[in-house]
Amino acid sequence: MMFRTLVFLYPVIRTLGPPVAALLFIAGLSFVGYAWLREPGLWGWLAAVGCLLAAGLLALLCHSYHWWLFKLRPHGCLFIPIK
């Protein structure tokens, strides 16, 4: 199931993945600055950690896309997507 989803989302991951990861990273740094200077509460830090974690995971997915396809491939049958 996850393999077919990754194959289906290939154009989106390859084209929009790195820019979205960069925007999430910038948003995470902005939330860190906001939480540090403005709000002493927990929500700003949670938003910063969430954005930075999402950016890191998306960057890891974009960088290691073929490795994830190799690891999640179906073992019982042959599934070859045609480009």
Protein backbone atom coordinates (compact mmCIF):
# COMPACT_ATOMS: atom_id res chain seq x y z
CA MET A 1 0.00 0.00 0.00
CA MET A 2 2.73 2.47 0.96
CA PHE A 3 4.77 1.48 -2.11
CA ARG A 4 1.91 2.21 -4.50
CA THR A 5 1.26 5.53 -2.76
CA LEU A 6 4.91 6.56 -3.16
CA VAL A 7 4.85 5.57 -6.84
CA PHE A 8 1.61 7.48 -7.37
CA LEU A 9 2.96 10.61 -5.63
CA TYR A 10 6.31 10.58 -7.47
CA PRO A 11 5.68 13.76 -9.53
CA VAL A 12 4.49 15.67 -6.47
CA ILE A 13 7.36 14.51 -4.24
CA ARG A 14 10.04 15.26 -6.81
CA THR A 15 8.77 18.69 -7.90
CA LEU A 16 7.12 20.18 -4.80
CA GLY A 17 8.95 18.29 -2.05
CA PRO A 18 12.18 20.30 -1.75
CA PRO A 19 10.54 23.77 -1.94
CA VAL A 20 7.91 22.79 0.63
CA ALA A 21 10.64 21.39 2.91
CA ALA A 22 12.55 24.66 2.60
CA LEU A 23 9.43 26.69 3.41
CA LEU A 24 8.71 24.49 6.42
CA PHE A 25 12.29 24.96 7.61
CA ILE A 26 12.01 28.74 7.28
CA ALA A 27 8.64 28.67 9.07
CA GLY A 28 10.17 26.55 11.85
CA LEU A 29 13.01 29.03 12.32
CA SER A 30 10.48 31.87 12.36
CA PHE A 31 8.46 30.09 15.03
CA VAL A 32 11.62 29.61 17.08
CA GLY A 33 12.33 33.34 16.89
CA TYR A 34 8.74 34.18 17.75
CA ALA A 35 8.66 31.79 20.69
CA TRP A 36 11.97 33.04 22.00
CA LEU A 37 11.29 36.76 21.76
CA ARG A 38 7.53 37.10 22.14
CA GLU A 39 5.70 34.25 23.80
CA PRO A 40 6.90 32.40 26.89
CA GLY A 41 4.24 29.72 26.31
CA LEU A 42 4.57 26.21 24.95
CA TRP A 43 2.55 26.55 21.71
CA GLY A 44 5.19 28.52 19.84
CA TRP A 45 7.85 25.95 20.65
CA LEU A 46 5.55 23.08 19.68
CA ALA A 47 4.80 24.75 16.35
CA ALA A 48 8.54 25.29 15.77
CA VAL A 49 9.39 21.69 16.56
CA GLY A 50 6.52 20.45 14.38
CA CYS A 51 7.61 22.53 11.39
CA LEU A 52 11.26 21.57 11.75
CA LEU A 53 10.39 17.88 12.14
CA ALA A 54 8.09 17.95 9.10
CA ALA A 55 10.77 19.73 7.07
CA GLY A 56 13.39 17.15 8.06
CA LEU A 57 11.16 14.19 7.27
CA LEU A 58 10.11 15.63 3.91
CA ALA A 59 13.72 16.38 3.02
CA LEU A 60 14.68 12.82 4.00
CA LEU A 61 11.88 11.43 1.83
CA CYS A 62 12.93 13.56 -1.15
CA HIS A 63 16.61 12.70 -0.75
CA SER A 64 16.15 8.95 -0.21
CA TYR A 65 13.09 8.37 -2.41
CA HIS A 66 14.56 5.44 -4.37
CA TRP A 67 15.80 3.79 -1.18
CA TRP A 68 12.28 3.97 0.29
CA LEU A 69 10.90 2.42 -2.90
CA PHE A 70 13.45 -0.38 -2.62
CA LYS A 71 12.65 -1.05 1.04
CA LEU A 72 8.86 -0.91 0.61
CA ARG A 73 8.66 -2.90 -2.63
CA PRO A 74 6.23 -5.80 -2.78
CA HIS A 75 8.01 -9.11 -2.26
CA GLY A 76 5.36 -11.51 -3.52
CA CYS A 77 4.63 -10.02 -6.94
CA LEU A 78 6.37 -7.86 -9.51
CA PHE A 79 5.03 -4.31 -9.73
CA ILE A 80 6.74 -2.16 -12.38
CA PRO A 81 5.26 1.28 -12.92
CA ILE A 82 5.41 2.50 -16.49
CA LYS A 83 6.51 6.11 -16.92
